[in-house]
Amino acid sequence: MGGIGATYASRTLPGEITLALDVGPVEAEYQVPAGSGPVVAYADDAVVYGKPVADRLMALGRELGLDPRAAVWESYHSDASRSKSSGQTARAALLSLPTLSTHGYEVQHRETVERCARLVAEFLCRPAPR
């Protein structure tokens, strides 16, 4: 969608959380291997994401057996961080798909998209604990 589109969507569409899906670098420094499950970001260069939402994504991912990873991305911005840093959403989260060569010929494990899709579907279908 892009950062501008995300800030517009966060401001105008109904909802309480801006959840971005984006590629995430497979690098030793982040301890994210290529065949791992979805990566839940707790922070990037622009913002600290909501811990309760990130914790919920991690718990759901573990429950589904998706091998989720937690990350703090350096030199990285997402559509969700742009929405949050510009004040268009109070609650933002980032779910990344482990990807080799994020700015070239991007390569993902064949199950990456399915794993992330399962986690997003479960996140959306289950009511959040109050």
Protein backbone atom coordinates (compact mmCIF):
# COMPACT_ATOMS: atom_id res chain seq x y z
CA MET A 1 0.00 0.00 0.00
CA GLY A 2 2.86 2.37 0.78
CA GLY A 3 3.35 4.76 3.64
CA ILE A 4 1.05 7.49 2.33
CA GLY A 5 -1.74 5.02 1.63
CA ALA A 6 -1.28 3.43 5.03
CA THR A 7 -1.56 6.73 6.88
CA TYR A 8 -4.73 7.56 4.91
CA ALA A 9 -6.21 4.11 5.61
CA SER A 10 -5.34 4.33 9.31
CA ARG A 11 -7.04 7.69 9.55
CA THR A 12 -10.20 6.95 7.55
CA LEU A 13 -11.05 3.23 7.78
CA PRO A 14 -12.75 1.72 10.82
CA GLY A 15 -10.58 -0.29 13.15
CA GLU A 16 -8.48 -0.04 16.26
CA ILE A 17 -5.15 -1.44 15.07
CA THR A 18 -3.01 -0.80 12.00
CA LEU A 19 -1.40 -4.13 11.14
CA ALA A 20 1.22 -3.96 8.40
CA LEU A 21 2.51 -6.98 6.49
CA ASP A 22 5.96 -6.51 5.01
CA VAL A 23 9.10 -8.38 4.08
CA GLY A 24 11.65 -8.83 6.86
CA PRO A 25 15.35 -9.38 6.30
CA VAL A 26 16.74 -12.87 6.86
CA GLU A 27 19.99 -11.97 8.59
CA ALA A 28 22.08 -13.54 11.34
CA GLU A 29 22.04 -10.26 13.30
CA TYR A 30 18.26 -10.57 13.68
CA GLN A 31 18.34 -14.34 14.31
CA VAL A 32 15.78 -14.87 11.55
CA PRO A 33 16.47 -17.92 9.37
CA ALA A 34 14.91 -18.25 5.92
CA GLY A 35 12.66 -21.18 6.84
CA SER A 36 11.29 -19.65 10.04
CA GLY A 37 7.77 -18.57 10.68
CA PRO A 38 6.30 -15.08 10.75
CA VAL A 39 8.37 -12.34 12.37
CA VAL A 40 6.62 -10.12 14.88
CA ALA A 41 8.29 -6.74 15.19
CA TYR A 42 8.46 -5.07 18.57
CA ALA A 43 10.16 -1.94 17.23
CA ASP A 44 11.84 -0.43 14.20
CA ASP A 45 13.77 2.78 13.63
CA ALA A 46 10.62 4.90 13.78
CA VAL A 47 8.44 3.48 16.57
CA VAL A 48 7.98 0.97 19.32
CA TYR A 49 4.97 -1.17 18.43
CA GLY A 50 2.29 -2.03 20.96
CA LYS A 51 3.61 -4.81 23.18
CA PRO A 52 0.17 -6.33 23.95
CA VAL A 53 -0.57 -6.72 20.23
CA ALA A 54 2.90 -8.10 19.45
CA ASP A 55 2.67 -10.49 22.40
CA ARG A 56 -0.74 -11.68 21.17
CA LEU A 57 0.67 -12.33 17.67
CA MET A 58 3.57 -14.27 19.17
CA ALA A 59 1.26 -16.36 21.38
CA LEU A 60 -1.10 -17.16 18.51
CA GLY A 61 1.84 -18.07 16.28
CA ARG A 62 3.23 -20.45 18.90
CA GLU A 63 -0.21 -21.97 19.49
CA LEU A 64 -0.57 -22.63 15.74
CA GLY A 65 2.92 -24.14 15.56
CA LEU A 66 4.15 -21.47 13.14
CA ASP A 67 7.58 -20.89 14.76
CA PRO A 68 7.13 -17.11 15.15
CA ARG A 69 10.19 -14.92 15.73
CA ALA A 70 10.43 -11.64 17.59
CA ALA A 71 12.52 -8.86 16.11
CA VAL A 72 13.61 -5.29 16.56
CA TRP A 73 14.37 -4.02 13.07
CA GLU A 74 17.21 -1.55 12.55
CA SER A 75 17.36 0.69 9.47
CA TYR A 76 13.75 -0.24 8.79
CA HIS A 77 10.41 1.56 8.56
CA SER A 78 7.01 0.07 7.79
CA ASP A 79 3.62 1.37 6.75
CA ALA A 80 2.45 0.80 10.32
CA SER A 81 5.34 2.78 11.81
CA ARG A 82 4.64 5.63 9.42
CA SER A 83 0.97 5.65 10.46
CA LYS A 84 1.86 5.58 14.14
CA SER A 85 4.66 8.15 13.99
CA SER A 86 2.41 10.58 12.11
CA GLY A 87 -0.34 10.21 14.70
CA GLN A 88 -2.85 8.47 12.41
CA THR A 89 -3.16 5.37 14.60
CA ALA A 90 -2.64 4.81 18.29
CA ARG A 91 -2.04 1.06 18.00
CA ALA A 92 0.20 -0.40 15.34
CA ALA A 93 1.78 -3.77 14.70
CA LEU A 94 4.10 -5.24 12.09
CA LEU A 95 4.15 -8.82 10.88
CA SER A 96 7.07 -9.60 8.59
CA LEU A 97 7.61 -12.41 6.12
CA PRO A 98 11.21 -13.70 6.37
CA THR A 99 12.83 -12.75 3.06
CA LEU A 100 16.29 -13.02 1.53
CA SER A 101 17.42 -10.01 -0.50
CA THR A 102 14.65 -7.63 0.53
CA HIS A 103 15.65 -5.03 -2.07
CA GLY A 104 16.64 -7.29 -4.94
CA TYR A 105 15.31 -10.59 -6.16
CA GLU A 106 13.30 -11.38 -3.06
CA VAL A 107 13.33 -15.04 -2.02
CA GLN A 108 11.04 -16.66 0.54
CA HIS A 109 10.53 -20.18 1.80
CA ARG A 110 7.55 -21.69 -0.01
CA GLU A 111 5.48 -21.83 3.22
CA THR A 112 6.17 -18.24 4.32
CA VAL A 113 3.04 -16.63 2.87
CA GLU A 114 0.79 -19.43 4.11
CA ARG A 115 2.21 -19.19 7.65
CA CYS A 116 1.69 -15.44 7.79
CA ALA A 117 -1.80 -15.73 6.30
CA ARG A 118 -2.80 -18.31 8.94
CA LEU A 119 -1.56 -16.03 11.70
CA VAL A 120 -3.37 -12.97 10.34
CA ALA A 121 -6.61 -14.95 9.88
CA GLU A 122 -6.45 -16.27 13.45
CA PHE A 123 -5.61 -12.80 14.78
CA LEU A 124 -8.63 -11.32 13.00
CA CYS A 125 -11.08 -14.11 13.86
CA ARG A 126 -10.32 -14.42 17.56
CA PRO A 127 -11.51 -11.62 19.78
CA ALA A 128 -8.75 -9.93 21.72
CA PRO A 129 -8.78 -10.56 25.46
CA ARG A 130 -10.11 -7.62 27.44
